Amino acid sequence: MKPSQPTSALPASPIPDPVRAFLAEPRVATIATINADGSPHQAVVWYALDGDDLLINSRRGRRWPGNLARDGRISVAVHEGTRRSHWVGVKGQAEQVREGDAAVADIQAFARRYGKDPAQYAGQDRVTFRIAVASTFEYGADE
């Protein structure tokens, strides 16, 4: 009988290191969600990398948070501002994780990340979604 091979206790990350480094920079993302009639809806958002997940935040009442509350499937495209032919795609499942003061704290942290005034978000009705990343791809890194 052959001895069993040791296995890693940690699962492999769905985000390869080069993609993680790209996403760690404060870039703007375009998200695609699914409207109730099945048509796509896109929006431009700030995001933050949190471990193997992405966080996004919005005012309550906008279309894309409602779409994600109904159907959590999401696609994200993050492009490099100077080289528009270089971008990263992310597919995953989103779920709402915070609202109220906790979500306001999230958008204020995003504002600091993107060099904006966090005070402008005080008192807003916000929601935060966590995107569990299922897959990523990178296009144009070598161009």
N, C-alpha and C. Protein backbone atom coordinates (compact mmCIF):
# COMPACT_ATOMS: atom_id res chain seq x y z
N MET A 1 0.84 -1.16 0.00
CA MET A 1 0.00 0.00 0.00
C MET A 1 0.90 1.24 0.00
N LYS A 2 0.59 2.19 -0.89
CA LYS A 2 1.36 3.42 -0.98
C LYS A 2 0.91 4.40 0.11
N PRO A 3 1.89 5.11 0.69
CA PRO A 3 1.48 6.14 1.65
C PRO A 3 0.76 7.27 0.92
N SER A 4 -0.19 7.87 1.59
CA SER A 4 -0.94 8.97 0.97
C SER A 4 -0.05 10.20 0.88
N GLN A 5 -0.29 10.99 -0.13
CA GLN A 5 0.45 12.23 -0.34
C GLN A 5 -0.10 13.29 0.60
N PRO A 6 0.79 14.11 1.18
CA PRO A 6 0.30 15.18 2.03
C PRO A 6 -0.52 16.17 1.21
N THR A 7 -1.54 16.70 1.81
CA THR A 7 -2.37 17.69 1.15
C THR A 7 -2.25 19.01 1.89
N SER A 8 -2.43 20.07 1.17
CA SER A 8 -2.38 21.40 1.76
C SER A 8 -3.65 21.64 2.56
N ALA A 9 -3.49 22.22 3.72
CA ALA A 9 -4.65 22.54 4.55
C ALA A 9 -5.37 23.77 4.04
N LEU A 10 -4.68 24.60 3.24
CA LEU A 10 -5.29 25.82 2.72
C LEU A 10 -5.74 25.61 1.29
N PRO A 11 -7.00 25.95 0.97
CA PRO A 11 -7.44 25.83 -0.41
C PRO A 11 -6.75 26.89 -1.27
N ALA A 12 -6.61 26.59 -2.55
CA ALA A 12 -5.99 27.55 -3.46
C ALA A 12 -6.89 28.78 -3.60
N SER A 13 -6.27 29.93 -3.70
CA SER A 13 -7.01 31.17 -3.87
C SER A 13 -7.58 31.26 -5.28
N PRO A 14 -8.80 31.77 -5.45
CA PRO A 14 -9.34 31.97 -6.79
C PRO A 14 -8.70 33.17 -7.49
N ILE A 15 -7.84 33.92 -6.77
CA ILE A 15 -7.22 35.12 -7.32
C ILE A 15 -5.71 34.91 -7.43
N PRO A 16 -5.19 34.71 -8.64
CA PRO A 16 -3.74 34.55 -8.80
C PRO A 16 -3.01 35.81 -8.34
N ASP A 17 -1.76 35.65 -7.93
CA ASP A 17 -0.98 36.77 -7.39
C ASP A 17 -0.91 37.99 -8.31
N PRO A 18 -0.67 37.83 -9.63
CA PRO A 18 -0.63 39.03 -10.48
C PRO A 18 -1.97 39.77 -10.53
N VAL A 19 -3.07 39.01 -10.53
CA VAL A 19 -4.40 39.62 -10.53
C VAL A 19 -4.66 40.30 -9.19
N ARG A 20 -4.25 39.67 -8.10
CA ARG A 20 -4.41 40.26 -6.77
C ARG A 20 -3.67 41.60 -6.69
N ALA A 21 -2.44 41.65 -7.21
CA ALA A 21 -1.67 42.89 -7.20
C ALA A 21 -2.38 43.97 -8.01
N PHE A 22 -2.95 43.59 -9.15
CA PHE A 22 -3.69 44.53 -9.98
C PHE A 22 -4.92 45.06 -9.24
N LEU A 23 -5.68 44.17 -8.62
CA LEU A 23 -6.90 44.57 -7.92
C LEU A 23 -6.62 45.36 -6.64
N ALA A 24 -5.44 45.21 -6.08
CA ALA A 24 -5.11 45.92 -4.84
C ALA A 24 -4.97 47.42 -5.06
N GLU A 25 -4.76 47.84 -6.29
CA GLU A 25 -4.65 49.27 -6.60
C GLU A 25 -6.05 49.89 -6.65
N PRO A 26 -6.18 51.17 -6.30
CA PRO A 26 -7.50 51.83 -6.35
C PRO A 26 -7.93 52.15 -7.78
N ARG A 27 -8.53 51.18 -8.41
CA ARG A 27 -9.03 51.34 -9.78
C ARG A 27 -10.56 51.38 -9.74
N VAL A 28 -11.16 51.80 -10.83
CA VAL A 28 -12.62 51.83 -10.93
C VAL A 28 -13.08 50.55 -11.60
N ALA A 29 -14.20 50.02 -11.15
CA ALA A 29 -14.75 48.78 -11.69
C ALA A 29 -16.09 49.04 -12.36
N THR A 30 -16.36 48.27 -13.39
CA THR A 30 -17.69 48.23 -13.99
C THR A 30 -18.29 46.89 -13.60
N ILE A 31 -19.48 46.94 -12.99
CA ILE A 31 -20.15 45.70 -12.61
C ILE A 31 -21.33 45.45 -13.54
N ALA A 32 -21.65 44.19 -13.72
CA ALA A 32 -22.83 43.80 -14.48
C ALA A 32 -23.69 42.91 -13.60
N THR A 33 -24.96 43.32 -13.44
CA THR A 33 -25.94 42.55 -12.69
C THR A 33 -27.10 42.21 -13.63
N ILE A 34 -28.05 41.47 -13.13
CA ILE A 34 -29.16 41.00 -13.96
C ILE A 34 -30.46 41.65 -13.50
N ASN A 35 -31.10 42.40 -14.41
CA ASN A 35 -32.40 43.00 -14.13
C ASN A 35 -33.47 41.91 -13.99
N ALA A 36 -34.60 42.27 -13.42
CA ALA A 36 -35.70 41.32 -13.21
C ALA A 36 -36.17 40.71 -14.53
N ASP A 37 -36.09 41.47 -15.64
CA ASP A 37 -36.52 40.94 -16.94
C ASP A 37 -35.45 40.12 -17.64
N GLY A 38 -34.30 39.92 -16.97
CA GLY A 38 -33.22 39.12 -17.52
C GLY A 38 -32.18 39.92 -18.30
N SER A 39 -32.44 41.19 -18.54
CA SER A 39 -31.48 42.01 -19.27
C SER A 39 -30.33 42.42 -18.35
N PRO A 40 -29.17 42.72 -18.94
CA PRO A 40 -28.03 43.12 -18.11
C PRO A 40 -28.15 44.58 -17.67
N HIS A 41 -27.56 44.88 -16.54
CA HIS A 41 -27.46 46.26 -16.04
C HIS A 41 -26.01 46.48 -15.63
N GLN A 42 -25.42 47.58 -16.06
CA GLN A 42 -24.04 47.90 -15.71
C GLN A 42 -23.99 49.17 -14.88
N ALA A 43 -22.98 49.24 -14.02
CA ALA A 43 -22.74 50.43 -13.21
C ALA A 43 -21.25 50.51 -12.92
N VAL A 44 -20.77 51.72 -12.73
CA VAL A 44 -19.37 51.94 -12.38
C VAL A 44 -19.30 52.15 -10.86
N VAL A 45 -18.37 51.44 -10.20
CA VAL A 45 -18.30 51.47 -8.74
C VAL A 45 -16.85 51.48 -8.26
N TRP A 46 -16.69 51.93 -7.03
CA TRP A 46 -15.45 51.70 -6.30
C TRP A 46 -15.54 50.31 -5.70
N TYR A 47 -14.39 49.73 -5.39
CA TYR A 47 -14.36 48.41 -4.77
C TYR A 47 -13.16 48.34 -3.83
N ALA A 48 -13.15 47.32 -3.00
CA ALA A 48 -11.99 47.03 -2.16
C ALA A 48 -11.78 45.52 -2.15
N LEU A 49 -10.52 45.13 -2.23
CA LEU A 49 -10.15 43.72 -2.11
C LEU A 49 -10.12 43.37 -0.64
N ASP A 50 -10.81 42.30 -0.26
CA ASP A 50 -10.88 41.86 1.13
C ASP A 50 -10.61 40.36 1.17
N GLY A 51 -9.33 40.00 1.36
CA GLY A 51 -8.97 38.59 1.30
C GLY A 51 -9.16 38.08 -0.12
N ASP A 52 -9.98 37.05 -0.29
CA ASP A 52 -10.29 36.51 -1.61
C ASP A 52 -11.63 37.03 -2.14
N ASP A 53 -12.15 38.07 -1.54
CA ASP A 53 -13.44 38.64 -1.93
C ASP A 53 -13.26 40.10 -2.34
N LEU A 54 -14.26 40.63 -3.01
CA LEU A 54 -14.34 42.05 -3.29
C LEU A 54 -15.52 42.63 -2.52
N LEU A 55 -15.38 43.85 -2.05
CA LEU A 55 -16.48 44.58 -1.42
C LEU A 55 -16.89 45.71 -2.34
N ILE A 56 -18.20 45.93 -2.49
CA ILE A 56 -18.74 47.07 -3.22
C ILE A 56 -19.83 47.68 -2.36
N ASN A 57 -20.13 48.94 -2.61
CA ASN A 57 -21.04 49.68 -1.73
C ASN A 57 -21.88 50.63 -2.58
N SER A 58 -23.12 50.85 -2.14
CA SER A 58 -24.01 51.75 -2.87
C SER A 58 -25.01 52.39 -1.93
N ARG A 59 -25.60 53.48 -2.39
CA ARG A 59 -26.79 53.99 -1.72
C ARG A 59 -27.90 52.96 -1.94
N ARG A 60 -28.71 52.79 -0.92
CA ARG A 60 -29.86 51.91 -1.05
C ARG A 60 -30.83 52.54 -2.07
N GLY A 61 -31.51 51.72 -2.82
CA GLY A 61 -32.50 52.20 -3.76
C GLY A 61 -32.01 52.27 -5.20
N ARG A 62 -30.72 52.18 -5.41
CA ARG A 62 -30.22 52.14 -6.79
C ARG A 62 -30.55 50.77 -7.39
N ARG A 63 -30.48 50.70 -8.70
CA ARG A 63 -30.90 49.47 -9.38
C ARG A 63 -30.01 48.28 -9.05
N TRP A 64 -28.68 48.44 -9.12
CA TRP A 64 -27.83 47.25 -8.98
C TRP A 64 -27.91 46.59 -7.62
N PRO A 65 -28.05 47.31 -6.50
CA PRO A 65 -28.21 46.59 -5.22
C PRO A 65 -29.50 45.76 -5.19
N GLY A 66 -30.56 46.30 -5.78
CA GLY A 66 -31.80 45.54 -5.86
C GLY A 66 -31.64 44.29 -6.71
N ASN A 67 -30.91 44.43 -7.82
CA ASN A 67 -30.65 43.27 -8.67
C ASN A 67 -29.89 42.20 -7.89
N LEU A 68 -28.85 42.61 -7.15
CA LEU A 68 -28.05 41.63 -6.41
C LEU A 68 -28.84 41.00 -5.26
N ALA A 69 -29.74 41.75 -4.66
CA ALA A 69 -30.57 41.18 -3.59
C ALA A 69 -31.46 40.07 -4.15
N ARG A 70 -31.88 40.21 -5.40
CA ARG A 70 -32.74 39.21 -6.03
C ARG A 70 -31.94 38.07 -6.65
N ASP A 71 -30.78 38.41 -7.27
CA ASP A 71 -29.96 37.43 -7.97
C ASP A 71 -28.51 37.86 -7.80
N GLY A 72 -27.76 37.12 -7.00
CA GLY A 72 -26.42 37.53 -6.62
C GLY A 72 -25.33 37.35 -7.67
N ARG A 73 -25.67 36.83 -8.83
CA ARG A 73 -24.64 36.66 -9.86
C ARG A 73 -24.13 38.02 -10.34
N ILE A 74 -22.80 38.12 -10.45
CA ILE A 74 -22.19 39.40 -10.83
C ILE A 74 -20.93 39.16 -11.63
N SER A 75 -20.70 40.07 -12.55
CA SER A 75 -19.46 40.10 -13.32
C SER A 75 -18.85 41.48 -13.13
N VAL A 76 -17.53 41.52 -12.98
CA VAL A 76 -16.82 42.76 -12.70
C VAL A 76 -15.69 42.90 -13.71
N ALA A 77 -15.52 44.10 -14.25
CA ALA A 77 -14.38 44.41 -15.12
C ALA A 77 -13.64 45.59 -14.51
N VAL A 78 -12.36 45.40 -14.27
CA VAL A 78 -11.51 46.45 -13.70
C VAL A 78 -10.41 46.73 -14.72
N HIS A 79 -10.36 48.00 -15.19
CA HIS A 79 -9.35 48.30 -16.21
C HIS A 79 -8.27 49.21 -15.65
N GLU A 80 -7.13 49.12 -16.30
CA GLU A 80 -6.01 49.97 -15.94
C GLU A 80 -6.26 51.33 -16.60
N GLY A 81 -6.24 52.38 -15.83
CA GLY A 81 -6.58 53.70 -16.34
C GLY A 81 -5.73 54.18 -17.50
N THR A 82 -4.45 53.86 -17.50
CA THR A 82 -3.57 54.37 -18.55
C THR A 82 -3.52 53.47 -19.77
N ARG A 83 -3.72 52.19 -19.58
CA ARG A 83 -3.72 51.24 -20.69
C ARG A 83 -5.07 50.54 -20.72
N ARG A 84 -5.98 51.06 -21.46
CA ARG A 84 -7.34 50.52 -21.45
C ARG A 84 -7.42 49.11 -22.03
N SER A 85 -6.36 48.65 -22.71
CA SER A 85 -6.37 47.29 -23.23
C SER A 85 -5.97 46.27 -22.17
N HIS A 86 -5.55 46.73 -21.00
CA HIS A 86 -5.19 45.82 -19.91
C HIS A 86 -6.30 45.89 -18.86
N TRP A 87 -6.95 44.76 -18.61
CA TRP A 87 -8.02 44.73 -17.63
C TRP A 87 -8.15 43.34 -17.02
N VAL A 88 -8.86 43.30 -15.90
CA VAL A 88 -9.10 42.05 -15.16
C VAL A 88 -10.61 41.85 -15.05
N GLY A 89 -11.04 40.64 -15.31
CA GLY A 89 -12.44 40.27 -15.13
C GLY A 89 -12.60 39.36 -13.93
N VAL A 90 -13.71 39.53 -13.23
CA VAL A 90 -14.03 38.73 -12.05
C VAL A 90 -15.47 38.27 -12.19
N LYS A 91 -15.71 37.01 -11.90
CA LYS A 91 -17.08 36.49 -11.83
C LYS A 91 -17.28 35.94 -10.44
N GLY A 92 -18.49 36.14 -9.92
CA GLY A 92 -18.74 35.65 -8.59
C GLY A 92 -20.18 35.76 -8.17
N GLN A 93 -20.38 35.57 -6.88
CA GLN A 93 -21.69 35.62 -6.25
C GLN A 93 -21.65 36.67 -5.15
N ALA A 94 -22.59 37.60 -5.18
CA ALA A 94 -22.60 38.69 -4.20
C ALA A 94 -23.72 38.49 -3.19
N GLU A 95 -23.45 38.92 -1.98
CA GLU A 95 -24.49 38.95 -0.96
C GLU A 95 -24.32 40.19 -0.12
N GLN A 96 -25.44 40.74 0.32
CA GLN A 96 -25.38 41.92 1.17
C GLN A 96 -24.85 41.52 2.53
N VAL A 97 -23.85 42.27 3.02
CA VAL A 97 -23.23 41.93 4.30
C VAL A 97 -23.37 43.03 5.35
N ARG A 98 -23.59 44.27 4.91
CA ARG A 98 -23.74 45.36 5.87
C ARG A 98 -24.71 46.40 5.35
N GLU A 99 -25.32 47.12 6.30
CA GLU A 99 -26.17 48.25 5.98
C GLU A 99 -26.05 49.26 7.11
N GLY A 100 -26.69 50.40 6.98
CA GLY A 100 -26.66 51.39 8.04
C GLY A 100 -25.27 51.94 8.30
N ASP A 101 -24.96 52.17 9.59
CA ASP A 101 -23.69 52.78 9.98
C ASP A 101 -22.48 51.97 9.52
N ALA A 102 -22.58 50.65 9.53
CA ALA A 102 -21.45 49.81 9.09
C ALA A 102 -21.18 50.00 7.61
N ALA A 103 -22.23 50.13 6.80
CA ALA A 103 -22.05 50.37 5.36
C ALA A 103 -21.54 51.78 5.09
N VAL A 104 -21.96 52.75 5.90
CA VAL A 104 -21.41 54.10 5.77
C VAL A 104 -19.92 54.09 6.10
N ALA A 105 -19.52 53.35 7.11
CA ALA A 105 -18.09 53.23 7.44
C ALA A 105 -17.33 52.61 6.26
N ASP A 106 -17.95 51.65 5.57
CA ASP A 106 -17.31 51.05 4.39
C ASP A 106 -17.09 52.09 3.30
N ILE A 107 -18.14 52.86 2.95
CA ILE A 107 -17.98 53.83 1.85
C ILE A 107 -16.99 54.92 2.25
N GLN A 108 -16.92 55.25 3.53
CA GLN A 108 -15.93 56.23 3.97
C GLN A 108 -14.51 55.69 3.83
N ALA A 109 -14.33 54.40 4.11
CA ALA A 109 -13.02 53.77 3.89
C ALA A 109 -12.70 53.74 2.40
N PHE A 110 -13.69 53.47 1.55
CA PHE A 110 -13.48 53.52 0.10
C PHE A 110 -13.06 54.92 -0.32
N ALA A 111 -13.75 55.94 0.21
CA ALA A 111 -13.43 57.33 -0.14
C ALA A 111 -11.98 57.66 0.19
N ARG A 112 -11.51 57.23 1.35
CA ARG A 112 -10.10 57.45 1.70
C ARG A 112 -9.19 56.72 0.72
N ARG A 113 -9.54 55.50 0.35
CA ARG A 113 -8.75 54.71 -0.61
C ARG A 113 -8.64 55.42 -1.95
N TYR A 114 -9.72 56.09 -2.37
CA TYR A 114 -9.76 56.75 -3.66
C TYR A 114 -9.45 58.26 -3.58
N GLY A 115 -8.97 58.71 -2.42
CA GLY A 115 -8.54 60.10 -2.27
C GLY A 115 -9.67 61.11 -2.23
N LYS A 116 -10.83 60.71 -1.74
CA LYS A 116 -11.99 61.60 -1.65
C LYS A 116 -12.31 61.88 -0.18
N ASP A 117 -13.17 62.86 0.05
CA ASP A 117 -13.56 63.27 1.39
C ASP A 117 -14.60 62.30 1.96
N PRO A 118 -14.26 61.54 3.01
CA PRO A 118 -15.21 60.58 3.57
C PRO A 118 -16.41 61.23 4.25
N ALA A 119 -16.27 62.48 4.67
CA ALA A 119 -17.35 63.16 5.41
C ALA A 119 -18.61 63.32 4.56
N GLN A 120 -18.46 63.37 3.25
CA GLN A 120 -19.62 63.60 2.39
C GLN A 120 -20.62 62.43 2.42
N TYR A 121 -20.22 61.30 2.96
CA TYR A 121 -21.09 60.12 2.99
C TYR A 121 -21.80 59.93 4.33
N ALA A 122 -21.48 60.77 5.30
CA ALA A 122 -22.10 60.65 6.64
C ALA A 122 -23.61 60.76 6.52
N GLY A 123 -24.31 59.86 7.21
CA GLY A 123 -25.76 59.91 7.27
C GLY A 123 -26.48 59.31 6.08
N GLN A 124 -25.78 58.84 5.08
CA GLN A 124 -26.44 58.24 3.92
C GLN A 124 -26.97 56.84 4.25
N ASP A 125 -27.97 56.41 3.51
CA ASP A 125 -28.52 55.06 3.64
C ASP A 125 -27.76 54.17 2.65
N ARG A 126 -26.79 53.38 3.13
CA ARG A 126 -25.87 52.63 2.29
C ARG A 126 -26.01 51.13 2.54
N VAL A 127 -25.57 50.34 1.56
CA VAL A 127 -25.49 48.88 1.68
C VAL A 127 -24.15 48.43 1.12
N THR A 128 -23.57 47.40 1.73
CA THR A 128 -22.32 46.81 1.26
C THR A 128 -22.56 45.37 0.87
N PHE A 129 -22.00 44.99 -0.28
CA PHE A 129 -22.06 43.62 -0.76
C PHE A 129 -20.67 43.03 -0.79
N ARG A 130 -20.58 41.75 -0.45
CA ARG A 130 -19.35 40.98 -0.56
C ARG A 130 -19.49 40.08 -1.78
N ILE A 131 -18.50 40.13 -2.66
CA ILE A 131 -18.48 39.27 -3.84
C ILE A 131 -17.52 38.12 -3.57
N ALA A 132 -18.07 36.93 -3.48
CA ALA A 132 -17.24 35.72 -3.37
C ALA A 132 -16.73 35.42 -4.78
N VAL A 133 -15.44 35.58 -4.99
CA VAL A 133 -14.84 35.43 -6.31
C VAL A 133 -14.79 33.95 -6.70
N ALA A 134 -15.42 33.64 -7.82
CA ALA A 134 -15.40 32.27 -8.33
C ALA A 134 -14.28 32.10 -9.34
N SER A 135 -14.05 33.12 -10.17
CA SER A 135 -13.00 33.03 -11.18
C SER A 135 -12.54 34.43 -11.57
N THR A 136 -11.32 34.48 -12.11
CA THR A 136 -10.77 35.73 -12.62
C THR A 136 -10.08 35.46 -13.95
N PHE A 137 -9.90 36.49 -14.73
CA PHE A 137 -9.08 36.40 -15.93
C PHE A 137 -8.45 37.76 -16.16
N GLU A 138 -7.32 37.76 -16.82
CA GLU A 138 -6.59 38.98 -17.10
C GLU A 138 -6.37 39.07 -18.60
N TYR A 139 -6.61 40.25 -19.15
CA TYR A 139 -6.46 40.45 -20.57
C TYR A 139 -5.48 41.59 -20.83
N GLY A 140 -4.55 41.38 -21.74
CA GLY A 140 -3.67 42.45 -22.18
C GLY A 140 -2.51 42.78 -21.27
N ALA A 141 -2.18 41.92 -20.33
CA ALA A 141 -1.09 42.22 -19.39
C ALA A 141 0.26 42.32 -20.11
N ASP A 142 0.40 41.60 -21.20
CA ASP A 142 1.68 41.55 -21.90
C ASP A 142 1.78 42.57 -23.04
N GLU A 143 0.73 43.34 -23.24
CA GLU A 143 0.74 44.29 -24.36
C GLU A 143 1.43 45.57 -24.01
